[in-house]
Amino acid sequence: GHDSGAEDTTVEAPPPYAFLTIGM
């Protein structure tokens, strides 16, 4: 229902992606 990537739980799961942002 939102795009925060976090649900309201006490257990924090690691994200499904990890990206380094590079530009210019």
PDBML (XML) file of the C-alpha atoms, coordinates in Angstrom:
<?xml version="1.0" encoding="UTF-8" ?>
<PDBx:datablock datablockName="MODEL"
   xmlns:PDBx="http://pdbml.pdb.org/schema/pdbx-v50.xsd"
   xmlns:xsi="http://www.w3.org/2001/XMLSchema-instance"
   xsi:schemaLocation="http://pdbml.pdb.org/schema/pdbx-v50.xsd pdbx-v50.xsd">
   <PDBx:atom_siteCategory>
      <PDBx:atom_site id="1">
         <PDBx:B_iso_or_equiv>0.00</PDBx:B_iso_or_equiv>
         <PDBx:Cartn_x>0.000</PDBx:Cartn_x>
         <PDBx:Cartn_y>0.000</PDBx:Cartn_y>
         <PDBx:Cartn_z>0.000</PDBx:Cartn_z>
         <PDBx:auth_asym_id>A</PDBx:auth_asym_id>
         <PDBx:auth_atom_id>CA</PDBx:auth_atom_id>
         <PDBx:auth_comp_id>GLY</PDBx:auth_comp_id>
         <PDBx:auth_seq_id>1</PDBx:auth_seq_id>
         <PDBx:group_PDB>ATOM</PDBx:group_PDB>
         <PDBx:label_alt_id xsi:nil="true" />
         <PDBx:label_asym_id>A</PDBx:label_asym_id>
         <PDBx:label_atom_id>CA</PDBx:label_atom_id>
         <PDBx:label_comp_id>GLY</PDBx:label_comp_id>
         <PDBx:label_entity_id>1</PDBx:label_entity_id>
         <PDBx:label_seq_id>1</PDBx:label_seq_id>
         <PDBx:occupancy>1.00</PDBx:occupancy>
         <PDBx:pdbx_PDB_model_num>1</PDBx:pdbx_PDB_model_num>
         <PDBx:type_symbol>C</PDBx:type_symbol>
      </PDBx:atom_site>
      <PDBx:atom_site id="2">
         <PDBx:B_iso_or_equiv>0.00</PDBx:B_iso_or_equiv>
         <PDBx:Cartn_x>3.038</PDBx:Cartn_x>
         <PDBx:Cartn_y>2.293</PDBx:Cartn_y>
         <PDBx:Cartn_z>0.005</PDBx:Cartn_z>
         <PDBx:auth_asym_id>A</PDBx:auth_asym_id>
         <PDBx:auth_atom_id>CA</PDBx:auth_atom_id>
         <PDBx:auth_comp_id>HIS</PDBx:auth_comp_id>
         <PDBx:auth_seq_id>2</PDBx:auth_seq_id>
         <PDBx:group_PDB>ATOM</PDBx:group_PDB>
         <PDBx:label_alt_id xsi:nil="true" />
         <PDBx:label_asym_id>A</PDBx:label_asym_id>
         <PDBx:label_atom_id>CA</PDBx:label_atom_id>
         <PDBx:label_comp_id>HIS</PDBx:label_comp_id>
         <PDBx:label_entity_id>1</PDBx:label_entity_id>
         <PDBx:label_seq_id>2</PDBx:label_seq_id>
         <PDBx:occupancy>1.00</PDBx:occupancy>
         <PDBx:pdbx_PDB_model_num>1</PDBx:pdbx_PDB_model_num>
         <PDBx:type_symbol>C</PDBx:type_symbol>
      </PDBx:atom_site>
      <PDBx:atom_site id="3">
         <PDBx:B_iso_or_equiv>0.00</PDBx:B_iso_or_equiv>
         <PDBx:Cartn_x>6.551</PDBx:Cartn_x>
         <PDBx:Cartn_y>2.295</PDBx:Cartn_y>
         <PDBx:Cartn_z>-1.367</PDBx:Cartn_z>
         <PDBx:auth_asym_id>A</PDBx:auth_asym_id>
         <PDBx:auth_atom_id>CA</PDBx:auth_atom_id>
         <PDBx:auth_comp_id>ASP</PDBx:auth_comp_id>
         <PDBx:auth_seq_id>3</PDBx:auth_seq_id>
         <PDBx:group_PDB>ATOM</PDBx:group_PDB>
         <PDBx:label_alt_id xsi:nil="true" />
         <PDBx:label_asym_id>A</PDBx:label_asym_id>
         <PDBx:label_atom_id>CA</PDBx:label_atom_id>
         <PDBx:label_comp_id>ASP</PDBx:label_comp_id>
         <PDBx:label_entity_id>1</PDBx:label_entity_id>
         <PDBx:label_seq_id>3</PDBx:label_seq_id>
         <PDBx:occupancy>1.00</PDBx:occupancy>
         <PDBx:pdbx_PDB_model_num>1</PDBx:pdbx_PDB_model_num>
         <PDBx:type_symbol>C</PDBx:type_symbol>
      </PDBx:atom_site>
      <PDBx:atom_site id="4">
         <PDBx:B_iso_or_equiv>0.00</PDBx:B_iso_or_equiv>
         <PDBx:Cartn_x>8.596</PDBx:Cartn_x>
         <PDBx:Cartn_y>2.805</PDBx:Cartn_y>
         <PDBx:Cartn_z>1.804</PDBx:Cartn_z>
         <PDBx:auth_asym_id>A</PDBx:auth_asym_id>
         <PDBx:auth_atom_id>CA</PDBx:auth_atom_id>
         <PDBx:auth_comp_id>SER</PDBx:auth_comp_id>
         <PDBx:auth_seq_id>4</PDBx:auth_seq_id>
         <PDBx:group_PDB>ATOM</PDBx:group_PDB>
         <PDBx:label_alt_id xsi:nil="true" />
         <PDBx:label_asym_id>A</PDBx:label_asym_id>
         <PDBx:label_atom_id>CA</PDBx:label_atom_id>
         <PDBx:label_comp_id>SER</PDBx:label_comp_id>
         <PDBx:label_entity_id>1</PDBx:label_entity_id>
         <PDBx:label_seq_id>4</PDBx:label_seq_id>
         <PDBx:occupancy>1.00</PDBx:occupancy>
         <PDBx:pdbx_PDB_model_num>1</PDBx:pdbx_PDB_model_num>
         <PDBx:type_symbol>C</PDBx:type_symbol>
      </PDBx:atom_site>
      <PDBx:atom_site id="5">
         <PDBx:B_iso_or_equiv>0.00</PDBx:B_iso_or_equiv>
         <PDBx:Cartn_x>9.953</PDBx:Cartn_x>
         <PDBx:Cartn_y>-0.737</PDBx:Cartn_y>
         <PDBx:Cartn_z>1.676</PDBx:Cartn_z>
         <PDBx:auth_asym_id>A</PDBx:auth_asym_id>
         <PDBx:auth_atom_id>CA</PDBx:auth_atom_id>
         <PDBx:auth_comp_id>GLY</PDBx:auth_comp_id>
         <PDBx:auth_seq_id>5</PDBx:auth_seq_id>
         <PDBx:group_PDB>ATOM</PDBx:group_PDB>
         <PDBx:label_alt_id xsi:nil="true" />
         <PDBx:label_asym_id>A</PDBx:label_asym_id>
         <PDBx:label_atom_id>CA</PDBx:label_atom_id>
         <PDBx:label_comp_id>GLY</PDBx:label_comp_id>
         <PDBx:label_entity_id>1</PDBx:label_entity_id>
         <PDBx:label_seq_id>5</PDBx:label_seq_id>
         <PDBx:occupancy>1.00</PDBx:occupancy>
         <PDBx:pdbx_PDB_model_num>1</PDBx:pdbx_PDB_model_num>
         <PDBx:type_symbol>C</PDBx:type_symbol>
      </PDBx:atom_site>
      <PDBx:atom_site id="6">
         <PDBx:B_iso_or_equiv>0.00</PDBx:B_iso_or_equiv>
         <PDBx:Cartn_x>9.362</PDBx:Cartn_x>
         <PDBx:Cartn_y>-1.203</PDBx:Cartn_y>
         <PDBx:Cartn_z>5.397</PDBx:Cartn_z>
         <PDBx:auth_asym_id>A</PDBx:auth_asym_id>
         <PDBx:auth_atom_id>CA</PDBx:auth_atom_id>
         <PDBx:auth_comp_id>ALA</PDBx:auth_comp_id>
         <PDBx:auth_seq_id>6</PDBx:auth_seq_id>
         <PDBx:group_PDB>ATOM</PDBx:group_PDB>
         <PDBx:label_alt_id xsi:nil="true" />
         <PDBx:label_asym_id>A</PDBx:label_asym_id>
         <PDBx:label_atom_id>CA</PDBx:label_atom_id>
         <PDBx:label_comp_id>ALA</PDBx:label_comp_id>
         <PDBx:label_entity_id>1</PDBx:label_entity_id>
         <PDBx:label_seq_id>6</PDBx:label_seq_id>
         <PDBx:occupancy>1.00</PDBx:occupancy>
         <PDBx:pdbx_PDB_model_num>1</PDBx:pdbx_PDB_model_num>
         <PDBx:type_symbol>C</PDBx:type_symbol>
      </PDBx:atom_site>
      <PDBx:atom_site id="7">
         <PDBx:B_iso_or_equiv>0.00</PDBx:B_iso_or_equiv>
         <PDBx:Cartn_x>6.414</PDBx:Cartn_x>
         <PDBx:Cartn_y>-2.787</PDBx:Cartn_y>
         <PDBx:Cartn_z>7.128</PDBx:Cartn_z>
         <PDBx:auth_asym_id>A</PDBx:auth_asym_id>
         <PDBx:auth_atom_id>CA</PDBx:auth_atom_id>
         <PDBx:auth_comp_id>GLU</PDBx:auth_comp_id>
         <PDBx:auth_seq_id>7</PDBx:auth_seq_id>
         <PDBx:group_PDB>ATOM</PDBx:group_PDB>
         <PDBx:label_alt_id xsi:nil="true" />
         <PDBx:label_asym_id>A</PDBx:label_asym_id>
         <PDBx:label_atom_id>CA</PDBx:label_atom_id>
         <PDBx:label_comp_id>GLU</PDBx:label_comp_id>
         <PDBx:label_entity_id>1</PDBx:label_entity_id>
         <PDBx:label_seq_id>7</PDBx:label_seq_id>
         <PDBx:occupancy>1.00</PDBx:occupancy>
         <PDBx:pdbx_PDB_model_num>1</PDBx:pdbx_PDB_model_num>
         <PDBx:type_symbol>C</PDBx:type_symbol>
      </PDBx:atom_site>
      <PDBx:atom_site id="8">
         <PDBx:B_iso_or_equiv>0.00</PDBx:B_iso_or_equiv>
         <PDBx:Cartn_x>5.478</PDBx:Cartn_x>
         <PDBx:Cartn_y>-1.977</PDBx:Cartn_y>
         <PDBx:Cartn_z>10.705</PDBx:Cartn_z>
         <PDBx:auth_asym_id>A</PDBx:auth_asym_id>
         <PDBx:auth_atom_id>CA</PDBx:auth_atom_id>
         <PDBx:auth_comp_id>ASP</PDBx:auth_comp_id>
         <PDBx:auth_seq_id>8</PDBx:auth_seq_id>
         <PDBx:group_PDB>ATOM</PDBx:group_PDB>
         <PDBx:label_alt_id xsi:nil="true" />
         <PDBx:label_asym_id>A</PDBx:label_asym_id>
         <PDBx:label_atom_id>CA</PDBx:label_atom_id>
         <PDBx:label_comp_id>ASP</PDBx:label_comp_id>
         <PDBx:label_entity_id>1</PDBx:label_entity_id>
         <PDBx:label_seq_id>8</PDBx:label_seq_id>
         <PDBx:occupancy>1.00</PDBx:occupancy>
         <PDBx:pdbx_PDB_model_num>1</PDBx:pdbx_PDB_model_num>
         <PDBx:type_symbol>C</PDBx:type_symbol>
      </PDBx:atom_site>
      <PDBx:atom_site id="9">
         <PDBx:B_iso_or_equiv>0.00</PDBx:B_iso_or_equiv>
         <PDBx:Cartn_x>7.090</PDBx:Cartn_x>
         <PDBx:Cartn_y>-4.964</PDBx:Cartn_y>
         <PDBx:Cartn_z>12.381</PDBx:Cartn_z>
         <PDBx:auth_asym_id>A</PDBx:auth_asym_id>
         <PDBx:auth_atom_id>CA</PDBx:auth_atom_id>
         <PDBx:auth_comp_id>THR</PDBx:auth_comp_id>
         <PDBx:auth_seq_id>9</PDBx:auth_seq_id>
         <PDBx:group_PDB>ATOM</PDBx:group_PDB>
         <PDBx:label_alt_id xsi:nil="true" />
         <PDBx:label_asym_id>A</PDBx:label_asym_id>
         <PDBx:label_atom_id>CA</PDBx:label_atom_id>
         <PDBx:label_comp_id>THR</PDBx:label_comp_id>
         <PDBx:label_entity_id>1</PDBx:label_entity_id>
         <PDBx:label_seq_id>9</PDBx:label_seq_id>
         <PDBx:occupancy>1.00</PDBx:occupancy>
         <PDBx:pdbx_PDB_model_num>1</PDBx:pdbx_PDB_model_num>
         <PDBx:type_symbol>C</PDBx:type_symbol>
      </PDBx:atom_site>
      <PDBx:atom_site id="10">
         <PDBx:B_iso_or_equiv>0.00</PDBx:B_iso_or_equiv>
         <PDBx:Cartn_x>9.724</PDBx:Cartn_x>
         <PDBx:Cartn_y>-5.431</PDBx:Cartn_y>
         <PDBx:Cartn_z>15.034</PDBx:Cartn_z>
         <PDBx:auth_asym_id>A</PDBx:auth_asym_id>
         <PDBx:auth_atom_id>CA</PDBx:auth_atom_id>
         <PDBx:auth_comp_id>THR</PDBx:auth_comp_id>
         <PDBx:auth_seq_id>10</PDBx:auth_seq_id>
         <PDBx:group_PDB>ATOM</PDBx:group_PDB>
         <PDBx:label_alt_id xsi:nil="true" />
         <PDBx:label_asym_id>A</PDBx:label_asym_id>
         <PDBx:label_atom_id>CA</PDBx:label_atom_id>
         <PDBx:label_comp_id>THR</PDBx:label_comp_id>
         <PDBx:label_entity_id>1</PDBx:label_entity_id>
         <PDBx:label_seq_id>10</PDBx:label_seq_id>
         <PDBx:occupancy>1.00</PDBx:occupancy>
         <PDBx:pdbx_PDB_model_num>1</PDBx:pdbx_PDB_model_num>
         <PDBx:type_symbol>C</PDBx:type_symbol>
      </PDBx:atom_site>
      <PDBx:atom_site id="11">
         <PDBx:B_iso_or_equiv>0.00</PDBx:B_iso_or_equiv>
         <PDBx:Cartn_x>11.839</PDBx:Cartn_x>
         <PDBx:Cartn_y>-7.746</PDBx:Cartn_y>
         <PDBx:Cartn_z>12.854</PDBx:Cartn_z>
         <PDBx:auth_asym_id>A</PDBx:auth_asym_id>
         <PDBx:auth_atom_id>CA</PDBx:auth_atom_id>
         <PDBx:auth_comp_id>VAL</PDBx:auth_comp_id>
         <PDBx:auth_seq_id>11</PDBx:auth_seq_id>
         <PDBx:group_PDB>ATOM</PDBx:group_PDB>
         <PDBx:label_alt_id xsi:nil="true" />
         <PDBx:label_asym_id>A</PDBx:label_asym_id>
         <PDBx:label_atom_id>CA</PDBx:label_atom_id>
         <PDBx:label_comp_id>VAL</PDBx:label_comp_id>
         <PDBx:label_entity_id>1</PDBx:label_entity_id>
         <PDBx:label_seq_id>11</PDBx:label_seq_id>
         <PDBx:occupancy>1.00</PDBx:occupancy>
         <PDBx:pdbx_PDB_model_num>1</PDBx:pdbx_PDB_model_num>
         <PDBx:type_symbol>C</PDBx:type_symbol>
      </PDBx:atom_site>
      <PDBx:atom_site id="12">
         <PDBx:B_iso_or_equiv>0.00</PDBx:B_iso_or_equiv>
         <PDBx:Cartn_x>13.766</PDBx:Cartn_x>
         <PDBx:Cartn_y>-5.828</PDBx:Cartn_y>
         <PDBx:Cartn_z>10.230</PDBx:Cartn_z>
         <PDBx:auth_asym_id>A</PDBx:auth_asym_id>
         <PDBx:auth_atom_id>CA</PDBx:auth_atom_id>
         <PDBx:auth_comp_id>GLU</PDBx:auth_comp_id>
         <PDBx:auth_seq_id>12</PDBx:auth_seq_id>
         <PDBx:group_PDB>ATOM</PDBx:group_PDB>
         <PDBx:label_alt_id xsi:nil="true" />
         <PDBx:label_asym_id>A</PDBx:label_asym_id>
         <PDBx:label_atom_id>CA</PDBx:label_atom_id>
         <PDBx:label_comp_id>GLU</PDBx:label_comp_id>
         <PDBx:label_entity_id>1</PDBx:label_entity_id>
         <PDBx:label_seq_id>12</PDBx:label_seq_id>
         <PDBx:occupancy>1.00</PDBx:occupancy>
         <PDBx:pdbx_PDB_model_num>1</PDBx:pdbx_PDB_model_num>
         <PDBx:type_symbol>C</PDBx:type_symbol>
      </PDBx:atom_site>
      <PDBx:atom_site id="13">
         <PDBx:B_iso_or_equiv>0.00</PDBx:B_iso_or_equiv>
         <PDBx:Cartn_x>14.452</PDBx:Cartn_x>
         <PDBx:Cartn_y>-7.865</PDBx:Cartn_y>
         <PDBx:Cartn_z>7.111</PDBx:Cartn_z>
         <PDBx:auth_asym_id>A</PDBx:auth_asym_id>
         <PDBx:auth_atom_id>CA</PDBx:auth_atom_id>
         <PDBx:auth_comp_id>ALA</PDBx:auth_comp_id>
         <PDBx:auth_seq_id>13</PDBx:auth_seq_id>
         <PDBx:group_PDB>ATOM</PDBx:group_PDB>
         <PDBx:label_alt_id xsi:nil="true" />
         <PDBx:label_asym_id>A</PDBx:label_asym_id>
         <PDBx:label_atom_id>CA</PDBx:label_atom_id>
         <PDBx:label_comp_id>ALA</PDBx:label_comp_id>
         <PDBx:label_entity_id>1</PDBx:label_entity_id>
         <PDBx:label_seq_id>13</PDBx:label_seq_id>
         <PDBx:occupancy>1.00</PDBx:occupancy>
         <PDBx:pdbx_PDB_model_num>1</PDBx:pdbx_PDB_model_num>
         <PDBx:type_symbol>C</PDBx:type_symbol>
      </PDBx:atom_site>
      <PDBx:atom_site id="14">
         <PDBx:B_iso_or_equiv>0.00</PDBx:B_iso_or_equiv>
         <PDBx:Cartn_x>17.319</PDBx:Cartn_x>
         <PDBx:Cartn_y>-6.895</PDBx:Cartn_y>
         <PDBx:Cartn_z>4.807</PDBx:Cartn_z>
         <PDBx:auth_asym_id>A</PDBx:auth_asym_id>
         <PDBx:auth_atom_id>CA</PDBx:auth_atom_id>
         <PDBx:auth_comp_id>PRO</PDBx:auth_comp_id>
         <PDBx:auth_seq_id>14</PDBx:auth_seq_id>
         <PDBx:group_PDB>ATOM</PDBx:group_PDB>
         <PDBx:label_alt_id xsi:nil="true" />
         <PDBx:label_asym_id>A</PDBx:label_asym_id>
         <PDBx:label_atom_id>CA</PDBx:label_atom_id>
         <PDBx:label_comp_id>PRO</PDBx:label_comp_id>
         <PDBx:label_entity_id>1</PDBx:label_entity_id>
         <PDBx:label_seq_id>14</PDBx:label_seq_id>
         <PDBx:occupancy>1.00</PDBx:occupancy>
         <PDBx:pdbx_PDB_model_num>1</PDBx:pdbx_PDB_model_num>
         <PDBx:type_symbol>C</PDBx:type_symbol>
      </PDBx:atom_site>
      <PDBx:atom_site id="15">
         <PDBx:B_iso_or_equiv>0.00</PDBx:B_iso_or_equiv>
         <PDBx:Cartn_x>16.283</PDBx:Cartn_x>
         <PDBx:Cartn_y>-5.256</PDBx:Cartn_y>
         <PDBx:Cartn_z>1.531</PDBx:Cartn_z>
         <PDBx:auth_asym_id>A</PDBx:auth_asym_id>
         <PDBx:auth_atom_id>CA</PDBx:auth_atom_id>
         <PDBx:auth_comp_id>PRO</PDBx:auth_comp_id>
         <PDBx:auth_seq_id>15</PDBx:auth_seq_id>
         <PDBx:group_PDB>ATOM</PDBx:group_PDB>
         <PDBx:label_alt_id xsi:nil="true" />
         <PDBx:label_asym_id>A</PDBx:label_asym_id>
         <PDBx:label_atom_id>CA</PDBx:label_atom_id>
         <PDBx:label_comp_id>PRO</PDBx:label_comp_id>
         <PDBx:label_entity_id>1</PDBx:label_entity_id>
         <PDBx:label_seq_id>15</PDBx:label_seq_id>
         <PDBx:occupancy>1.00</PDBx:occupancy>
         <PDBx:pdbx_PDB_model_num>1</PDBx:pdbx_PDB_model_num>
         <PDBx:type_symbol>C</PDBx:type_symbol>
      </PDBx:atom_site>
      <PDBx:atom_site id="16">
         <PDBx:B_iso_or_equiv>0.00</PDBx:B_iso_or_equiv>
         <PDBx:Cartn_x>16.045</PDBx:Cartn_x>
         <PDBx:Cartn_y>-7.390</PDBx:Cartn_y>
         <PDBx:Cartn_z>-1.638</PDBx:Cartn_z>
         <PDBx:auth_asym_id>A</PDBx:auth_asym_id>
         <PDBx:auth_atom_id>CA</PDBx:auth_atom_id>
         <PDBx:auth_comp_id>PRO</PDBx:auth_comp_id>
         <PDBx:auth_seq_id>16</PDBx:auth_seq_id>
         <PDBx:group_PDB>ATOM</PDBx:group_PDB>
         <PDBx:label_alt_id xsi:nil="true" />
         <PDBx:label_asym_id>A</PDBx:label_asym_id>
         <PDBx:label_atom_id>CA</PDBx:label_atom_id>
         <PDBx:label_comp_id>PRO</PDBx:label_comp_id>
         <PDBx:label_entity_id>1</PDBx:label_entity_id>
         <PDBx:label_seq_id>16</PDBx:label_seq_id>
         <PDBx:occupancy>1.00</PDBx:occupancy>
         <PDBx:pdbx_PDB_model_num>1</PDBx:pdbx_PDB_model_num>
         <PDBx:type_symbol>C</PDBx:type_symbol>
      </PDBx:atom_site>
      <PDBx:atom_site id="17">
         <PDBx:B_iso_or_equiv>0.00</PDBx:B_iso_or_equiv>
         <PDBx:Cartn_x>18.421</PDBx:Cartn_x>
         <PDBx:Cartn_y>-5.007</PDBx:Cartn_y>
         <PDBx:Cartn_z>-3.496</PDBx:Cartn_z>
         <PDBx:auth_asym_id>A</PDBx:auth_asym_id>
         <PDBx:auth_atom_id>CA</PDBx:auth_atom_id>
         <PDBx:auth_comp_id>TYR</PDBx:auth_comp_id>
         <PDBx:auth_seq_id>17</PDBx:auth_seq_id>
         <PDBx:group_PDB>ATOM</PDBx:group_PDB>
         <PDBx:label_alt_id xsi:nil="true" />
         <PDBx:label_asym_id>A</PDBx:label_asym_id>
         <PDBx:label_atom_id>CA</PDBx:label_atom_id>
         <PDBx:label_comp_id>TYR</PDBx:label_comp_id>
         <PDBx:label_entity_id>1</PDBx:label_entity_id>
         <PDBx:label_seq_id>17</PDBx:label_seq_id>
         <PDBx:occupancy>1.00</PDBx:occupancy>
         <PDBx:pdbx_PDB_model_num>1</PDBx:pdbx_PDB_model_num>
         <PDBx:type_symbol>C</PDBx:type_symbol>
      </PDBx:atom_site>
      <PDBx:atom_site id="18">
         <PDBx:B_iso_or_equiv>0.00</PDBx:B_iso_or_equiv>
         <PDBx:Cartn_x>21.630</PDBx:Cartn_x>
         <PDBx:Cartn_y>-3.134</PDBx:Cartn_y>
         <PDBx:Cartn_z>-2.733</PDBx:Cartn_z>
         <PDBx:auth_asym_id>A</PDBx:auth_asym_id>
         <PDBx:auth_atom_id>CA</PDBx:auth_atom_id>
         <PDBx:auth_comp_id>ALA</PDBx:auth_comp_id>
         <PDBx:auth_seq_id>18</PDBx:auth_seq_id>
         <PDBx:group_PDB>ATOM</PDBx:group_PDB>
         <PDBx:label_alt_id xsi:nil="true" />
         <PDBx:label_asym_id>A</PDBx:label_asym_id>
         <PDBx:label_atom_id>CA</PDBx:label_atom_id>
         <PDBx:label_comp_id>ALA</PDBx:label_comp_id>
         <PDBx:label_entity_id>1</PDBx:label_entity_id>
         <PDBx:label_seq_id>18</PDBx:label_seq_id>
         <PDBx:occupancy>1.00</PDBx:occupancy>
         <PDBx:pdbx_PDB_model_num>1</PDBx:pdbx_PDB_model_num>
         <PDBx:type_symbol>C</PDBx:type_symbol>
      </PDBx:atom_site>
      <PDBx:atom_site id="19">
         <PDBx:B_iso_or_equiv>0.00</PDBx:B_iso_or_equiv>
         <PDBx:Cartn_x>22.771</PDBx:Cartn_x>
         <PDBx:Cartn_y>-0.526</PDBx:Cartn_y>
         <PDBx:Cartn_z>-5.251</PDBx:Cartn_z>
         <PDBx:auth_asym_id>A</PDBx:auth_asym_id>
         <PDBx:auth_atom_id>CA</PDBx:auth_atom_id>
         <PDBx:auth_comp_id>PHE</PDBx:auth_comp_id>
         <PDBx:auth_seq_id>19</PDBx:auth_seq_id>
         <PDBx:group_PDB>ATOM</PDBx:group_PDB>
         <PDBx:label_alt_id xsi:nil="true" />
         <PDBx:label_asym_id>A</PDBx:label_asym_id>
         <PDBx:label_atom_id>CA</PDBx:label_atom_id>
         <PDBx:label_comp_id>PHE</PDBx:label_comp_id>
         <PDBx:label_entity_id>1</PDBx:label_entity_id>
         <PDBx:label_seq_id>19</PDBx:label_seq_id>
         <PDBx:occupancy>1.00</PDBx:occupancy>
         <PDBx:pdbx_PDB_model_num>1</PDBx:pdbx_PDB_model_num>
         <PDBx:type_symbol>C</PDBx:type_symbol>
      </PDBx:atom_site>
      <PDBx:atom_site id="20">
         <PDBx:B_iso_or_equiv>0.00</PDBx:B_iso_or_equiv>
         <PDBx:Cartn_x>25.560</PDBx:Cartn_x>
         <PDBx:Cartn_y>2.051</PDBx:Cartn_y>
         <PDBx:Cartn_z>-5.254</PDBx:Cartn_z>
         <PDBx:auth_asym_id>A</PDBx:auth_asym_id>
         <PDBx:auth_atom_id>CA</PDBx:auth_atom_id>
         <PDBx:auth_comp_id>LEU</PDBx:auth_comp_id>
         <PDBx:auth_seq_id>20</PDBx:auth_seq_id>
         <PDBx:group_PDB>ATOM</PDBx:group_PDB>
         <PDBx:label_alt_id xsi:nil="true" />
         <PDBx:label_asym_id>A</PDBx:label_asym_id>
         <PDBx:label_atom_id>CA</PDBx:label_atom_id>
         <PDBx:label_comp_id>LEU</PDBx:label_comp_id>
         <PDBx:label_entity_id>1</PDBx:label_entity_id>
         <PDBx:label_seq_id>20</PDBx:label_seq_id>
         <PDBx:occupancy>1.00</PDBx:occupancy>
         <PDBx:pdbx_PDB_model_num>1</PDBx:pdbx_PDB_model_num>
         <PDBx:type_symbol>C</PDBx:type_symbol>
      </PDBx:atom_site>
      <PDBx:atom_site id="21">
         <PDBx:B_iso_or_equiv>0.00</PDBx:B_iso_or_equiv>
         <PDBx:Cartn_x>24.424</PDBx:Cartn_x>
         <PDBx:Cartn_y>5.215</PDBx:Cartn_y>
         <PDBx:Cartn_z>-7.083</PDBx:Cartn_z>
         <PDBx:auth_asym_id>A</PDBx:auth_asym_id>
         <PDBx:auth_atom_id>CA</PDBx:auth_atom_id>
         <PDBx:auth_comp_id>THR</PDBx:auth_comp_id>
         <PDBx:auth_seq_id>21</PDBx:auth_seq_id>
         <PDBx:group_PDB>ATOM</PDBx:group_PDB>
         <PDBx:label_alt_id xsi:nil="true" />
         <PDBx:label_asym_id>A</PDBx:label_asym_id>
         <PDBx:label_atom_id>CA</PDBx:label_atom_id>
         <PDBx:label_comp_id>THR</PDBx:label_comp_id>
         <PDBx:label_entity_id>1</PDBx:label_entity_id>
         <PDBx:label_seq_id>21</PDBx:label_seq_id>
         <PDBx:occupancy>1.00</PDBx:occupancy>
         <PDBx:pdbx_PDB_model_num>1</PDBx:pdbx_PDB_model_num>
         <PDBx:type_symbol>C</PDBx:type_symbol>
      </PDBx:atom_site>
      <PDBx:atom_site id="22">
         <PDBx:B_iso_or_equiv>0.00</PDBx:B_iso_or_equiv>
         <PDBx:Cartn_x>26.942</PDBx:Cartn_x>
         <PDBx:Cartn_y>6.750</PDBx:Cartn_y>
         <PDBx:Cartn_z>-9.492</PDBx:Cartn_z>
         <PDBx:auth_asym_id>A</PDBx:auth_asym_id>
         <PDBx:auth_atom_id>CA</PDBx:auth_atom_id>
         <PDBx:auth_comp_id>ILE</PDBx:auth_comp_id>
         <PDBx:auth_seq_id>22</PDBx:auth_seq_id>
         <PDBx:group_PDB>ATOM</PDBx:group_PDB>
         <PDBx:label_alt_id xsi:nil="true" />
         <PDBx:label_asym_id>A</PDBx:label_asym_id>
         <PDBx:label_atom_id>CA</PDBx:label_atom_id>
         <PDBx:label_comp_id>ILE</PDBx:label_comp_id>
         <PDBx:label_entity_id>1</PDBx:label_entity_id>
         <PDBx:label_seq_id>22</PDBx:label_seq_id>
         <PDBx:occupancy>1.00</PDBx:occupancy>
         <PDBx:pdbx_PDB_model_num>1</PDBx:pdbx_PDB_model_num>
         <PDBx:type_symbol>C</PDBx:type_symbol>
      </PDBx:atom_site>
      <PDBx:atom_site id="23">
         <PDBx:B_iso_or_equiv>0.00</PDBx:B_iso_or_equiv>
         <PDBx:Cartn_x>26.554</PDBx:Cartn_x>
         <PDBx:Cartn_y>9.818</PDBx:Cartn_y>
         <PDBx:Cartn_z>-11.673</PDBx:Cartn_z>
         <PDBx:auth_asym_id>A</PDBx:auth_asym_id>
         <PDBx:auth_atom_id>CA</PDBx:auth_atom_id>
         <PDBx:auth_comp_id>GLY</PDBx:auth_comp_id>
         <PDBx:auth_seq_id>23</PDBx:auth_seq_id>
         <PDBx:group_PDB>ATOM</PDBx:group_PDB>
         <PDBx:label_alt_id xsi:nil="true" />
         <PDBx:label_asym_id>A</PDBx:label_asym_id>
         <PDBx:label_atom_id>CA</PDBx:label_atom_id>
         <PDBx:label_comp_id>GLY</PDBx:label_comp_id>
         <PDBx:label_entity_id>1</PDBx:label_entity_id>
         <PDBx:label_seq_id>23</PDBx:label_seq_id>
         <PDBx:occupancy>1.00</PDBx:occupancy>
         <PDBx:pdbx_PDB_model_num>1</PDBx:pdbx_PDB_model_num>
         <PDBx:type_symbol>C</PDBx:type_symbol>
      </PDBx:atom_site>
      <PDBx:atom_site id="24">
         <PDBx:B_iso_or_equiv>0.00</PDBx:B_iso_or_equiv>
         <PDBx:Cartn_x>28.687</PDBx:Cartn_x>
         <PDBx:Cartn_y>12.367</PDBx:Cartn_y>
         <PDBx:Cartn_z>-13.458</PDBx:Cartn_z>
         <PDBx:auth_asym_id>A</PDBx:auth_asym_id>
         <PDBx:auth_atom_id>CA</PDBx:auth_atom_id>
         <PDBx:auth_comp_id>MET</PDBx:auth_comp_id>
         <PDBx:auth_seq_id>24</PDBx:auth_seq_id>
         <PDBx:group_PDB>ATOM</PDBx:group_PDB>
         <PDBx:label_alt_id xsi:nil="true" />
         <PDBx:label_asym_id>A</PDBx:label_asym_id>
         <PDBx:label_atom_id>CA</PDBx:label_atom_id>
         <PDBx:label_comp_id>MET</PDBx:label_comp_id>
         <PDBx:label_entity_id>1</PDBx:label_entity_id>
         <PDBx:label_seq_id>24</PDBx:label_seq_id>
         <PDBx:occupancy>1.00</PDBx:occupancy>
         <PDBx:pdbx_PDB_model_num>1</PDBx:pdbx_PDB_model_num>
         <PDBx:type_symbol>C</PDBx:type_symbol>
      </PDBx:atom_site>
   </PDBx:atom_siteCategory>
</PDBx:datablock>
